[in-house]
Protein backbone atom coordinates (compact mmCIF):
# COMPACT_ATOMS: atom_id res chain seq x y z
CA MET A 1 -0.02 -0.05 -0.02
CA ASP A 2 1.50 3.29 -1.05
CA ASP A 3 0.76 6.94 -0.12
CA MET A 4 -1.90 7.19 -2.85
CA ASP A 5 -3.62 4.00 -1.58
CA ARG A 6 -3.74 5.63 1.95
CA ARG A 7 -5.20 8.90 0.49
CA ILE A 8 -7.89 6.84 -1.38
CA ILE A 9 -8.88 5.12 1.86
CA ASP A 10 -8.99 8.31 3.90
CA VAL A 11 -10.88 10.35 1.22
CA LEU A 12 -13.50 7.73 0.35
CA GLN A 13 -14.35 7.12 3.98
CA GLN A 14 -15.85 10.49 4.08
CA GLY A 15 -18.20 9.64 1.30
CA PHE A 16 -18.66 8.85 -2.37
CA PRO A 17 -20.07 10.96 -4.99
CA ILE A 18 -23.66 10.41 -6.14
CA CYS A 19 -23.68 11.48 -9.71
CA ASP A 20 -23.49 10.11 -13.28
CA SER A 21 -19.67 9.51 -13.09
CA PRO A 22 -18.83 8.96 -9.35
CA TYR A 23 -15.35 7.30 -10.01
CA GLN A 24 -14.25 10.13 -12.13
CA GLN A 25 -15.43 12.70 -9.68
CA ALA A 26 -13.74 11.00 -6.79
CA ALA A 27 -10.50 10.49 -8.80
CA ARG A 28 -10.32 14.12 -9.76
CA GLU A 29 -10.07 15.07 -6.09
CA LEU A 30 -7.43 12.45 -5.66
CA GLY A 31 -5.44 13.66 -8.77
CA LEU A 32 -6.13 10.30 -10.52
CA THR A 33 -8.32 9.17 -13.57
CA GLY A 34 -11.42 7.30 -13.07
CA GLN A 35 -9.80 4.17 -14.49
CA GLU A 36 -6.70 4.48 -12.11
CA LEU A 37 -9.00 4.89 -9.12
CA ILE A 38 -10.95 1.62 -10.07
CA GLU A 39 -7.79 -0.39 -10.68
CA ARG A 40 -6.34 0.76 -7.27
CA LEU A 41 -9.59 -0.19 -5.57
CA ARG A 42 -9.60 -3.67 -7.30
CA ARG A 43 -6.00 -4.22 -6.21
CA LEU A 44 -6.70 -3.24 -2.63
CA LEU A 45 -9.62 -5.68 -2.56
CA THR A 46 -7.74 -8.47 -4.31
CA ASP A 47 -4.80 -8.00 -1.98
CA GLY A 48 -7.15 -8.10 1.12
CA VAL A 49 -6.22 -4.58 2.24
CA LEU A 50 -9.89 -3.73 2.03
CA SER A 51 -12.49 -6.45 2.63
CA ARG A 52 -15.33 -4.52 0.95
CA PHE A 53 -15.97 -1.53 -0.92
CA GLY A 54 -19.58 -0.40 -1.37
CA PRO A 55 -22.43 1.57 0.16
CA LEU A 56 -23.97 0.78 3.51
CA TYR A 57 -27.68 0.48 3.55
CA HIS A 58 -30.23 0.97 6.38
CA ALA A 59 -31.92 -2.38 5.80
CA GLU A 60 -34.85 -1.76 8.22
CA ARG A 61 -35.83 1.55 6.40
CA MET A 62 -35.82 -0.32 3.19
CA GLY A 63 -38.14 -3.12 4.60
CA GLY A 64 -35.39 -5.56 5.47
CA ALA A 65 -34.00 -6.65 8.75
CA LEU A 66 -30.73 -6.89 10.76
CA LEU A 67 -29.84 -8.88 13.71
CA LEU A 68 -26.65 -9.27 16.00
CA ALA A 69 -26.16 -12.97 16.82
CA ALA A 70 -23.67 -15.02 18.91
CA LEU A 71 -22.80 -18.56 19.18
CA GLN A 72 -20.72 -20.61 21.86
CA VAL A 73 -18.50 -22.61 19.66
CA PRO A 74 -16.31 -25.34 21.05
CA GLU A 75 -12.76 -24.24 20.05
CA GLN A 76 -11.99 -27.46 18.08
CA ARG A 77 -15.00 -26.67 15.87
CA PHE A 78 -14.52 -22.98 15.38
CA ASP A 79 -13.24 -23.09 11.84
CA GLU A 80 -15.91 -25.66 10.73
CA VAL A 81 -18.74 -23.47 12.28
CA ALA A 82 -17.32 -20.29 10.88
CA GLY A 83 -17.37 -21.91 7.42
CA ILE A 84 -21.07 -22.79 7.81
CA VAL A 85 -22.03 -19.36 9.26
CA ASN A 86 -20.07 -17.53 6.57
CA GLY A 87 -21.72 -19.71 3.83
CA PHE A 88 -24.94 -17.71 4.31
CA PRO A 89 -25.17 -14.61 2.04
CA GLU A 90 -27.22 -12.98 4.91
CA VAL A 91 -24.08 -13.00 7.06
CA ALA A 92 -22.75 -9.44 6.80
CA HIS A 93 -19.73 -9.95 8.92
CA ASN A 94 -18.51 -12.45 11.56
CA TYR A 95 -16.11 -11.90 14.57
CA ARG A 96 -14.19 -14.06 16.83
CA ARG A 97 -14.32 -12.90 20.51
CA GLU A 98 -12.50 -13.82 23.69
CA HIS A 99 -15.74 -14.71 25.68
CA ARG A 100 -17.84 -17.70 26.19
CA PHE A 101 -20.02 -16.41 23.17
CA ASN A 102 -16.87 -16.53 20.86
CA MET A 103 -18.44 -16.02 17.55
CA TRP A 104 -20.59 -12.99 16.83
CA PHE A 105 -22.13 -12.17 13.44
CA VAL A 106 -24.62 -9.89 11.83
CA LEU A 107 -27.49 -11.03 9.66
CA ALA A 108 -28.87 -8.64 7.17
CA SER A 109 -31.63 -9.41 4.67
CA ASP A 110 -34.10 -7.39 2.49
CA ASP A 111 -36.71 -10.04 3.86
CA PRO A 112 -37.23 -10.16 7.79
CA GLU A 113 -38.55 -13.73 7.42
CA SER A 114 -35.36 -14.87 5.87
CA ILE A 115 -33.46 -13.97 9.05
CA VAL A 116 -35.53 -16.45 11.00
CA GLU A 117 -34.98 -19.16 8.30
CA VAL A 118 -31.17 -18.57 8.46
CA ILE A 119 -31.04 -18.82 12.20
CA HIS A 120 -32.90 -22.07 12.06
CA SER A 121 -30.55 -23.39 9.29
CA ILE A 122 -27.37 -22.49 11.15
CA GLU A 123 -28.80 -24.12 14.41
CA LYS A 124 -29.65 -27.23 12.30
CA ASN A 125 -26.31 -27.19 10.43
CA THR A 126 -24.13 -26.66 13.54
CA GLY A 127 -26.09 -28.20 16.28
CA LEU A 128 -25.58 -24.98 18.17
CA GLU A 129 -28.03 -22.43 19.66
CA VAL A 130 -27.95 -18.92 18.10
CA TRP A 131 -28.34 -16.25 20.55
CA GLN A 132 -30.24 -13.47 19.04
CA MET A 133 -29.69 -9.81 20.08
CA PRO A 134 -32.17 -7.58 18.29
CA LYS A 135 -31.67 -3.77 18.20
CA ILE A 136 -33.67 -2.02 20.86
CA LYS A 137 -32.32 1.46 20.10
CA GLU A 138 -30.08 2.72 17.31
CA TYR A 139 -26.96 4.99 17.87
CA TYR A 140 -24.85 6.59 15.22
CA VAL A 141 -21.18 6.48 15.89
CA SER A 142 -19.02 7.94 13.11
CA LEU A 143 -15.88 5.89 12.83
CA ARG A 144 -13.03 7.09 10.41
CA LEU A 145 -9.89 5.08 10.43
CA LYS A 146 -6.57 6.73 9.27
CA ALA A 147 -4.94 4.55 6.64
């Protein structure tokens, strides 16, 4: 990752243009062409520097659902269970934690009923109980990481 890659990450965390040519507009601010920006983003994704590049949606406002969930996974089964959980497209992200609930993940779907179906499937396929933690109140915390 070079200085331009760091600038790209820093600048794009602040927002991405909504217009007919968003990559070209963002690239101009960075002193790049639109194609150069796209190529650099592809490389950062391919190299694993970025795990994702895209918009964040408020699923509930769009008629969907989100749910934070946790599992108590025996350590010897952690990788196996992570593979099962991560195999569902509704799993937005998954984290290992140093806690008796050692696997935490977020389910997101455009269909609230599919969340229930995924939970049942995870329980059936792992033999483990999914602990559901629905959102009671939403807080907005702006997080900007310096690259």
